[in-house]
Protein backbone atom coordinates (compact mmCIF):
# COMPACT_ATOMS: atom_id res chain seq x y z
CA MET A 1 0.00 0.00 0.00
CA ASP A 2 1.52 3.32 -0.95
CA VAL A 3 1.56 6.46 1.17
CA GLU A 4 -1.04 8.35 -0.85
CA LEU A 5 -3.59 5.53 -0.54
CA THR A 6 -2.96 5.23 3.20
CA ARG A 7 -3.37 8.98 3.67
CA SER A 8 -6.60 8.92 1.65
CA VAL A 9 -8.03 6.01 3.66
CA LEU A 10 -7.14 7.72 6.95
CA GLY A 11 -8.80 10.94 5.80
CA TRP A 12 -12.02 9.22 4.74
CA CYS A 13 -12.10 7.12 7.91
CA ALA A 14 -11.66 10.26 9.99
CA LEU A 15 -14.52 12.00 8.17
CA ALA A 16 -16.82 8.98 8.48
CA ASN A 17 -16.11 8.62 12.20
CA ILE A 18 -16.53 12.35 12.86
CA GLY A 19 -19.87 12.17 11.02
CA LEU A 20 -20.93 9.22 13.15
CA PHE A 21 -19.84 11.05 16.30
CA LEU A 22 -21.81 14.18 15.34
CA THR A 23 -24.87 12.06 14.54
CA TRP A 24 -24.60 10.38 17.96
CA PHE A 25 -24.29 13.78 19.64
CA LEU A 26 -27.26 15.26 17.77
CA VAL A 27 -29.51 12.25 18.45
CA PHE A 28 -28.45 12.28 22.10
CA THR A 29 -29.24 15.98 22.52
CA VAL A 30 -32.37 16.23 20.35
CA ALA A 31 -34.05 12.93 21.24
CA HIS A 32 -32.62 12.42 24.73
CA ASP A 33 -35.82 11.18 26.37
CA ALA A 34 -36.68 8.77 23.55
CA VAL A 35 -33.17 7.29 23.56
CA TYR A 36 -33.27 7.03 27.35
CA LYS A 37 -36.61 5.18 27.28
CA LEU A 38 -35.32 2.82 24.58
CA HIS A 39 -32.18 1.99 26.55
CA CYS A 40 -34.12 1.54 29.80
CA ILE A 41 -36.04 -1.32 28.21
CA TRP A 42 -32.79 -3.30 28.04
CA PHE A 43 -30.76 -1.74 30.86
CA PRO A 44 -32.69 -0.17 33.74
CA MET A 45 -30.74 2.87 34.99
CA SER A 46 -31.22 6.40 36.24
CA LYS A 47 -31.03 9.37 33.90
CA GLU A 48 -27.85 10.49 35.64
CA ALA A 49 -26.17 7.11 35.02
CA PHE A 50 -27.39 7.16 31.41
CA ASP A 51 -26.00 10.65 30.82
CA ARG A 52 -22.71 9.77 32.53
CA ALA A 53 -22.30 6.62 30.44
CA HIS A 54 -22.92 8.47 27.18
CA TYR A 55 -20.64 11.34 28.18
CA ILE A 56 -17.80 8.93 28.97
CA MET A 57 -18.36 6.87 25.80
CA MET A 58 -18.43 10.01 23.63
CA GLY A 59 -15.17 11.17 25.18
CA VAL A 60 -13.48 7.82 24.61
CA TYR A 61 -14.77 7.65 21.03
CA LYS A 62 -13.53 11.17 20.33
CA LEU A 63 -10.08 10.28 21.69
CA ILE A 64 -9.99 7.17 19.51
CA ILE A 65 -10.92 9.17 16.40
CA VAL A 66 -8.22 11.75 17.06
CA SER A 67 -5.56 9.21 18.05
CA PHE A 68 -6.06 6.66 15.28
CA PHE A 69 -7.27 8.75 12.34
CA VAL A 70 -6.78 12.51 12.64
CA ILE A 71 -3.24 12.62 14.06
CA PRO A 72 -1.83 9.99 11.64
CA TYR A 73 -3.55 11.76 8.73
CA LEU A 74 -2.08 15.13 9.73
CA ALA A 75 1.36 13.59 10.25
CA MET A 76 1.25 12.09 6.78
CA GLN A 77 0.12 15.44 5.33
CA VAL A 78 3.08 17.21 6.96
CA LEU A 79 5.61 14.58 5.88
CA ALA A 80 4.41 14.44 2.27
């Protein structure tokens, strides 16, 4: 695999994951009560625990996106 293809794949993966993250954030903020009720069917929990779990998962997901896609993409842009 050459460098240009790798850089392109990293860029598209970063965009796709950022889009997924923004969709998750928008659904969580706009339809919070509906998502909470849906999750409570499977996992009974308080709203505070639900919000805390999503906040932590969003933070971890954001760190993964930056660490595995954005930073390597930017490094390859600088080195090219």
